[in-house]
Amino acid sequence: MVCLFCLFMFQPCLLFADYRMICIGDEGSDKASIFSVNNDGIIKFLYELTVTPGGEPDGITFAPNGHWGLIGCWISSWPIYQFTTVIGVDNNQIISIIGYVHNEYGWLVAISPDSQYGVYGANLGTIHFNNHNNTITVINNINPIITNYYASFSSLSNKLIVEDGISKVVEYEISDTGNAIPTSNTLDISPAIAMAYPDNETSPDGKTCILLNNSNMCITVLSIHKDGGFSLVQQFGEQSLNPRVVRFTPDSKYAIISFWGHIRSYKINDDSNLTEISSISLDFSTGEAMGVTPDGKLAVTEEQFNGYHIFYVFKIHDDGTLEYLPQNDYIYGGFISAIAFVPPYKTAADPSWNMYH
């Protein structure tokens, strides 16, 4: 039976699709927009959610178990804007606000592979999330301000890979007390990795980390070691490249990177080196935000133009090649700073629950 009330009120229901996509806005917006995306890449608006009591949301990440997430915000000198937002997700993928964590330093957000700890802000504050009752415990910050950019966890080593300053990568781990503390593993990288529109993402298998630097058009690839630490395996770039966002397919076979005006897919080799598989050049300036569906079948990127936002959908074939689906172009008002898809919801009956709890 069709849920007419859901359709009329633009509230969340599971009629439209297998995927739930959340987009957060910048340019003074305090909202998140939630969409459904079906298997054919057709996008439908579901509902809007106020995610900040002020300020502008800028980064979003979800726990691997699909229960919760963190939204980072631009930070100002006004105390009412100094926070990170904690969001909850139920088993119907309905998103709600759980609370806000005080944060004075930057929009960085990351969640540990076991879905228990969130890291936020430029001094890497941590919170513990209780999956049974959706409660959070804030753990005091102990780190100096290190970065305003990005960090990601490796599921292979359970370590956090952080861009510390402009040209240095530092490894952190979650201690027995729940604090993020540095290990002895660091790496100096040139050209600089943390300038302009950077991104830092680690593959689902935890073996490969890709760092983007839009300022010098550079892509840096790290190989993550099982016992901790990492090594530089590849750097490449050219003036025609303006890398913006990197995402991985769930099997860690391919990396999808959006650029200013085009999108490319890369095969991830056993040694973490990237080999380009497919490239699609477009007439529009798509690339500032991008998400890949949890099954790795679709990528959604966007363009901002005259106060409107346009989603573009790409099919990711089994061999890693990309196909643009122009019939699925979707126009939406406002500006978008980040796109994320909600991961599959893990329950106590799921065989993989133990790795998350």
Protein backbone atom coordinates (compact mmCIF):
# COMPACT_ATOMS: atom_id res chain seq x y z
CA MET A 1 0.00 0.00 0.00
CA VAL A 2 1.41 3.39 -1.00
CA CYS A 3 2.26 5.71 1.89
CA LEU A 4 0.38 8.78 0.66
CA PHE A 5 0.99 10.68 3.87
CA CYS A 6 4.75 10.21 3.46
CA LEU A 7 4.59 11.37 -0.12
CA PHE A 8 2.50 14.41 0.68
CA MET A 9 4.51 15.53 3.70
CA PHE A 10 7.90 14.81 2.11
CA GLN A 11 8.77 12.64 5.09
CA PRO A 12 11.12 9.66 4.95
CA CYS A 13 9.78 6.33 3.83
CA LEU A 14 11.30 3.39 1.98
CA LEU A 15 9.17 3.49 -1.16
CA PHE A 16 11.67 4.98 -3.54
CA ALA A 17 15.06 3.36 -3.29
CA ASP A 18 17.69 1.18 -1.75
CA TYR A 19 19.97 4.16 -1.02
CA ARG A 20 19.63 7.13 1.28
CA MET A 21 21.71 10.19 0.36
CA ILE A 22 22.29 13.16 2.66
CA CYS A 23 23.63 16.50 1.45
CA ILE A 24 24.71 19.34 3.70
CA GLY A 25 24.80 22.95 2.56
CA ASP A 26 27.17 25.85 2.94
CA GLU A 27 26.71 29.54 2.16
CA GLY A 28 24.90 30.23 5.43
CA SER A 29 22.67 27.12 5.34
CA ASP A 30 21.95 25.20 8.56
CA LYS A 31 20.09 22.39 6.78
CA ALA A 32 20.68 18.90 5.50
CA SER A 33 18.66 17.56 2.57
CA ILE A 34 17.85 13.86 2.42
CA PHE A 35 17.17 12.13 -0.89
CA SER A 36 16.46 8.63 -2.13
CA VAL A 37 18.44 7.23 -5.06
CA ASN A 38 17.16 4.07 -6.69
CA ASN A 39 19.11 1.36 -8.48
CA ASP A 40 18.74 3.18 -11.80
CA GLY A 41 20.15 6.40 -10.33
CA ILE A 42 16.84 8.29 -10.15
CA ILE A 43 16.94 10.90 -7.37
CA LYS A 44 13.92 11.98 -5.31
CA PHE A 45 13.79 14.56 -2.54
CA LEU A 46 12.46 13.20 0.77
CA TYR A 47 12.81 15.77 3.52
CA GLU A 48 14.94 18.50 5.05
CA LEU A 49 16.50 18.54 8.50
CA THR A 50 17.96 21.41 10.52
CA VAL A 51 21.33 20.02 11.60
CA THR A 52 23.00 23.02 13.24
CA PRO A 53 21.75 25.65 15.68
CA GLY A 54 23.83 28.12 13.66
CA GLY A 55 26.82 28.16 11.37
CA GLU A 56 27.44 26.17 8.22
CA PRO A 57 27.81 22.37 8.01
CA ASP A 58 30.82 21.40 5.92
CA GLY A 59 31.85 17.76 6.44
CA ILE A 60 29.92 14.56 7.14
CA THR A 61 30.83 10.97 7.94
CA PHE A 62 28.83 7.90 8.97
CA ALA A 63 29.80 5.01 11.25
CA PRO A 64 30.42 1.78 9.31
CA ASN A 65 27.54 0.10 11.18
CA GLY A 66 25.07 2.68 9.81
CA HIS A 67 23.78 3.72 13.25
CA TRP A 68 25.14 7.26 13.55
CA GLY A 69 27.27 9.99 12.04
CA LEU A 70 29.06 13.29 12.61
CA ILE A 71 28.64 16.61 10.84
CA GLY A 72 31.50 19.10 11.03
CA CYS A 73 30.77 22.81 10.85
CA TRP A 74 32.63 25.97 10.04
CA ILE A 75 33.78 27.43 13.34
CA SER A 76 33.62 31.14 14.22
CA SER A 77 34.58 33.15 17.27
CA TRP A 78 30.95 33.12 18.46
CA PRO A 79 30.40 30.37 21.06
CA ILE A 80 26.97 29.50 19.65
CA TYR A 81 28.68 28.37 16.42
CA GLN A 82 31.37 26.22 18.09
CA PHE A 83 30.06 22.67 17.88
CA THR A 84 30.01 19.37 16.00
CA THR A 85 26.62 17.76 15.31
CA VAL A 86 25.89 14.10 16.19
CA ILE A 87 23.20 12.45 14.06
CA GLY A 88 21.42 9.13 14.56
CA VAL A 89 20.09 6.69 11.96
CA ASP A 90 17.42 4.08 12.67
CA ASN A 91 16.88 0.77 10.89
CA ASN A 92 14.63 2.51 8.33
CA GLN A 93 17.47 4.96 7.59
CA ILE A 94 15.53 7.85 9.12
CA ILE A 95 18.02 10.49 10.25
CA SER A 96 17.63 12.53 13.42
CA ILE A 97 19.72 14.83 15.60
CA ILE A 98 21.14 13.23 18.75
CA GLY A 99 22.99 16.25 20.07
CA TYR A 100 25.85 18.72 19.75
CA VAL A 101 29.43 18.55 21.00
CA HIS A 102 31.33 21.72 21.88
CA ASN A 103 34.15 22.28 19.38
CA GLU A 104 36.22 25.43 18.98
CA TYR A 105 38.62 24.26 16.32
CA GLY A 106 37.61 23.25 12.81
CA TRP A 107 35.24 20.93 10.94
CA LEU A 108 37.25 17.66 10.90
CA VAL A 109 35.13 14.53 11.53
CA ALA A 110 36.03 10.82 11.45
CA ILE A 111 34.59 7.62 12.97
CA SER A 112 36.54 4.52 14.02
CA PRO A 113 36.15 1.20 12.13
CA ASP A 114 34.39 -0.38 15.14
CA SER A 115 31.81 2.47 15.10
CA GLN A 116 32.42 3.22 18.78
CA TYR A 117 34.50 6.41 18.64
CA GLY A 118 34.11 9.67 16.78
CA VAL A 119 36.94 12.15 16.31
CA TYR A 120 36.18 15.81 15.70
CA GLY A 121 37.85 19.21 15.40
CA ALA A 122 41.40 20.35 14.79
CA ASN A 123 42.55 19.13 18.20
CA LEU A 124 41.06 15.66 17.67
CA GLY A 125 38.53 15.55 20.46
CA THR A 126 36.77 12.19 20.84
CA ILE A 127 33.33 10.92 21.79
CA HIS A 128 32.15 7.41 22.58
CA PHE A 129 28.88 6.23 21.03
CA ASN A 130 26.75 3.59 22.73
CA ASN A 131 24.95 1.60 20.04
CA HIS A 132 22.39 0.16 22.48
CA ASN A 133 20.79 3.42 23.59
CA ASN A 134 22.15 6.02 21.14
CA THR A 135 23.94 7.99 23.84
CA ILE A 136 27.27 9.77 23.57
CA THR A 137 30.04 10.35 26.08
CA VAL A 138 32.36 13.29 25.42
CA ILE A 139 36.04 12.64 26.15
CA ASN A 140 38.24 15.63 26.96
CA ASN A 141 40.50 16.98 24.22
CA ILE A 142 44.18 16.54 24.96
CA ASN A 143 45.85 17.42 21.64
CA PRO A 144 47.16 20.76 20.42
CA ILE A 145 45.51 22.23 17.31
CA ILE A 146 47.03 20.35 14.39
CA THR A 147 44.83 20.75 11.33
CA ASN A 148 41.66 22.26 9.93
CA TYR A 149 41.39 19.68 7.21
CA TYR A 150 40.64 15.97 7.04
CA ALA A 151 41.48 12.63 8.61
CA SER A 152 40.36 9.04 8.06
CA PHE A 153 40.62 5.71 9.88
CA SER A 154 42.20 2.55 8.49
CA SER A 155 40.18 -0.61 9.12
CA LEU A 156 43.40 -2.58 8.61
CA SER A 157 45.41 -1.03 11.45
CA ASN A 158 42.61 0.77 13.37
CA LYS A 159 44.74 3.92 13.21
CA LEU A 160 43.73 7.47 12.31
CA ILE A 161 45.64 9.12 9.45
CA VAL A 162 45.82 12.88 9.92
CA GLU A 163 47.18 15.71 7.80
CA ASP A 164 49.26 17.63 10.35
CA GLY A 165 50.00 21.07 8.95
CA ILE A 166 50.79 21.40 5.25
CA SER A 167 53.17 18.58 4.33
CA LYS A 168 53.12 16.02 7.12
CA VAL A 169 51.02 12.93 7.81
CA VAL A 170 50.75 11.71 11.41
CA GLU A 171 49.23 8.50 12.72
CA TYR A 172 46.98 8.51 15.81
CA GLU A 173 45.31 5.74 17.75
CA ILE A 174 42.43 5.58 20.21
CA SER A 175 43.85 4.84 23.67
CA ASP A 176 42.27 2.76 26.44
CA THR A 177 40.86 6.00 27.85
CA GLY A 178 39.24 6.87 24.52
CA ASN A 179 41.63 9.71 23.64
CA ALA A 180 43.22 10.16 20.22
CA ILE A 181 46.98 10.04 20.80
CA PRO A 182 49.87 10.17 18.28
CA THR A 183 51.99 7.12 17.56
CA SER A 184 55.61 7.31 16.46
CA ASN A 185 54.67 6.98 12.78
CA THR A 186 54.93 10.16 10.71
CA LEU A 187 55.70 10.95 7.08
CA ASP A 188 56.87 14.17 5.44
CA ILE A 189 55.39 14.67 1.98
CA SER A 190 56.24 17.10 -0.79
CA PRO A 191 54.48 18.71 -2.62
CA ALA A 192 52.23 19.93 0.16
CA ILE A 193 49.08 17.89 0.77
CA ALA A 194 46.86 20.15 2.89
CA MET A 195 46.09 23.25 0.87
CA ALA A 196 42.98 24.62 -0.85
CA TYR A 197 40.30 21.88 -1.29
CA PRO A 198 41.92 18.83 0.32
CA ASP A 199 40.42 15.41 0.96
CA ASN A 200 41.71 12.41 2.89
CA GLU A 201 40.03 9.03 2.46
CA THR A 202 41.07 5.47 3.27
CA SER A 203 39.74 2.44 1.37
CA PRO A 204 37.25 0.13 3.13
CA ASP A 205 39.88 -2.62 3.41
CA GLY A 206 42.14 -0.11 5.16
CA LYS A 207 45.11 -0.68 2.85
CA THR A 208 45.15 2.50 0.74
CA CYS A 209 44.87 6.18 1.71
CA ILE A 210 44.45 8.89 -0.93
CA LEU A 211 45.19 12.54 -0.14
CA LEU A 212 44.05 15.29 -2.50
CA ASN A 213 45.45 18.80 -2.87
CA ASN A 214 43.57 21.10 -5.18
CA SER A 215 46.12 23.90 -4.84
CA ASN A 216 48.98 22.11 -6.62
CA MET A 217 46.75 19.65 -8.52
CA CYS A 218 48.37 16.71 -6.72
CA ILE A 219 47.13 13.25 -5.79
CA THR A 220 49.13 11.44 -3.09
CA VAL A 221 48.70 7.71 -2.43
CA LEU A 222 49.81 5.96 0.76
CA SER A 223 50.07 2.25 1.46
CA ILE A 224 48.86 1.44 4.99
CA HIS A 225 50.80 -1.17 6.96
CA LYS A 226 48.96 -3.86 8.90
CA ASP A 227 50.99 -3.29 12.08
CA GLY A 228 50.67 0.49 11.83
CA GLY A 229 52.45 3.14 9.82
CA PHE A 230 52.35 3.93 6.13
CA SER A 231 54.57 4.56 3.12
CA LEU A 232 54.34 6.85 0.09
CA VAL A 233 53.75 4.83 -3.07
CA GLN A 234 52.59 7.36 -5.67
CA GLN A 235 52.15 11.05 -6.46
CA PHE A 236 50.88 12.51 -9.69
CA GLY A 237 49.22 15.63 -11.00
CA GLU A 238 49.06 18.13 -13.83
CA GLN A 239 47.62 21.58 -14.43
CA SER A 240 44.52 20.13 -16.06
CA LEU A 241 43.71 18.30 -12.82
CA ASN A 242 41.77 19.95 -10.03
CA PRO A 243 41.01 17.03 -7.68
CA ARG A 244 38.16 17.70 -5.25
CA VAL A 245 36.75 14.52 -3.69
CA VAL A 246 37.81 10.85 -3.57
CA ARG A 247 35.54 7.91 -2.75
CA PHE A 248 36.03 4.14 -2.93
CA THR A 249 33.90 1.23 -4.06
CA PRO A 250 33.09 -1.05 -1.08
CA ASP A 251 35.28 -3.87 -2.41
CA SER A 252 38.27 -1.46 -2.45
CA LYS A 253 38.95 -2.30 -6.10
CA TYR A 254 38.39 1.22 -7.44
CA ALA A 255 38.85 4.82 -6.38
CA ILE A 256 36.51 7.41 -7.89
CA ILE A 257 37.86 10.97 -7.96
CA SER A 258 35.87 14.04 -8.93
CA PHE A 259 37.67 16.96 -10.55
CA TRP A 260 36.65 20.42 -11.66
CA GLY A 261 34.91 19.50 -14.91
CA HIS A 262 35.42 15.76 -15.05
CA ILE A 263 35.36 12.49 -13.10
CA ARG A 264 37.80 9.57 -13.24
CA SER A 265 38.02 6.02 -11.91
CA TYR A 266 41.22 4.27 -10.90
CA LYS A 267 42.02 0.63 -10.26
CA ILE A 268 43.75 0.08 -6.91
CA ASN A 269 46.58 -2.38 -7.42
CA ASP A 270 47.90 -4.75 -4.77
CA ASP A 271 50.72 -2.31 -3.92
CA SER A 272 48.17 0.57 -3.62
CA ASN A 273 49.33 2.25 -6.84
CA LEU A 274 46.51 3.67 -8.94
CA THR A 275 45.92 2.88 -12.61
CA GLU A 276 43.43 5.05 -14.48
CA ILE A 277 40.50 3.07 -15.87
CA SER A 278 37.99 5.64 -17.07
CA SER A 279 37.60 9.39 -17.50
CA ILE A 280 34.57 11.46 -18.46
CA SER A 281 35.03 15.12 -19.33
CA LEU A 282 31.97 17.31 -18.95
CA ASP A 283 31.04 20.82 -20.01
CA PHE A 284 29.91 21.78 -16.52
CA SER A 285 32.05 22.45 -13.43
CA THR A 286 30.97 19.41 -11.45
CA GLY A 287 33.17 18.10 -8.69
CA GLU A 288 32.90 20.06 -5.44
CA ALA A 289 31.07 17.22 -3.64
CA MET A 290 30.58 13.53 -4.42
CA GLY A 291 29.20 10.33 -2.93
CA VAL A 292 29.31 6.67 -3.95
CA THR A 293 26.43 4.32 -3.14
CA PRO A 294 27.12 1.62 -0.50
CA ASP A 295 27.13 -1.10 -3.16
CA GLY A 296 29.56 0.84 -5.36
CA LYS A 297 27.23 0.88 -8.37
CA LEU A 298 26.63 4.65 -8.66
CA ALA A 299 28.47 7.90 -8.05
CA VAL A 300 26.64 11.20 -7.55
CA THR A 301 28.44 14.50 -7.97
CA GLU A 302 27.22 18.07 -8.26
CA GLU A 303 27.51 21.57 -9.70
CA GLN A 304 26.59 24.87 -8.07
CA PHE A 305 25.17 27.48 -10.41
CA ASN A 306 23.21 30.71 -9.80
CA GLY A 307 21.90 29.61 -6.40
CA TYR A 308 20.87 26.18 -7.66
CA HIS A 309 22.45 22.82 -7.26
CA ILE A 310 22.53 20.12 -9.96
CA PHE A 311 23.20 16.45 -9.21
CA TYR A 312 24.87 14.33 -11.88
CA VAL A 313 24.74 10.54 -11.74
CA PHE A 314 27.33 8.09 -13.03
CA LYS A 315 27.09 4.32 -13.27
CA ILE A 316 30.16 2.42 -12.06
CA HIS A 317 30.49 -0.77 -14.09
CA ASP A 318 32.00 -3.97 -12.73
CA ASP A 319 35.27 -3.30 -14.57
CA GLY A 320 35.54 0.19 -13.03
CA THR A 321 34.51 2.15 -16.12
CA LEU A 322 32.14 5.08 -15.67
CA GLU A 323 28.97 5.93 -17.61
CA TYR A 324 27.27 9.32 -17.35
CA LEU A 325 23.46 9.08 -17.01
CA PRO A 326 22.21 12.48 -18.27
CA GLN A 327 18.56 11.45 -17.95
CA ASN A 328 19.05 11.49 -14.17
CA ASP A 329 20.23 15.10 -13.85
CA TYR A 330 18.44 16.59 -10.85
CA ILE A 331 18.09 20.31 -10.05
CA TYR A 332 17.80 21.39 -6.44
CA GLY A 333 17.92 24.82 -4.81
CA GLY A 334 20.74 25.94 -2.54
CA PHE A 335 24.39 25.05 -2.16
CA ILE A 336 26.04 21.77 -1.23
CA SER A 337 29.34 21.32 0.62
CA ALA A 338 29.31 17.52 1.05
CA ILE A 339 27.43 14.39 -0.08
CA ALA A 340 27.29 11.10 1.83
CA PHE A 341 25.34 7.86 1.56
CA VAL A 342 24.08 6.07 4.66
CA PRO A 343 25.80 2.66 5.09
CA PRO A 344 23.74 -0.52 5.53
CA TYR A 345 22.32 -0.81 9.05
CA LYS A 346 23.98 -3.57 11.10
CA THR A 347 21.89 -5.35 13.72
CA ALA A 348 22.69 -7.85 16.46
CA ALA A 349 21.47 -10.62 14.12
CA ASP A 350 23.93 -9.59 11.41
CA PRO A 351 27.04 -11.83 11.23
CA SER A 352 29.22 -8.73 10.94
CA TRP A 353 27.85 -7.13 14.13
CA ASN A 354 30.81 -8.26 16.24
CA MET A 355 33.26 -6.22 14.21
CA TYR A 356 31.27 -3.09 14.97
CA HIS A 357 30.42 -3.58 18.63
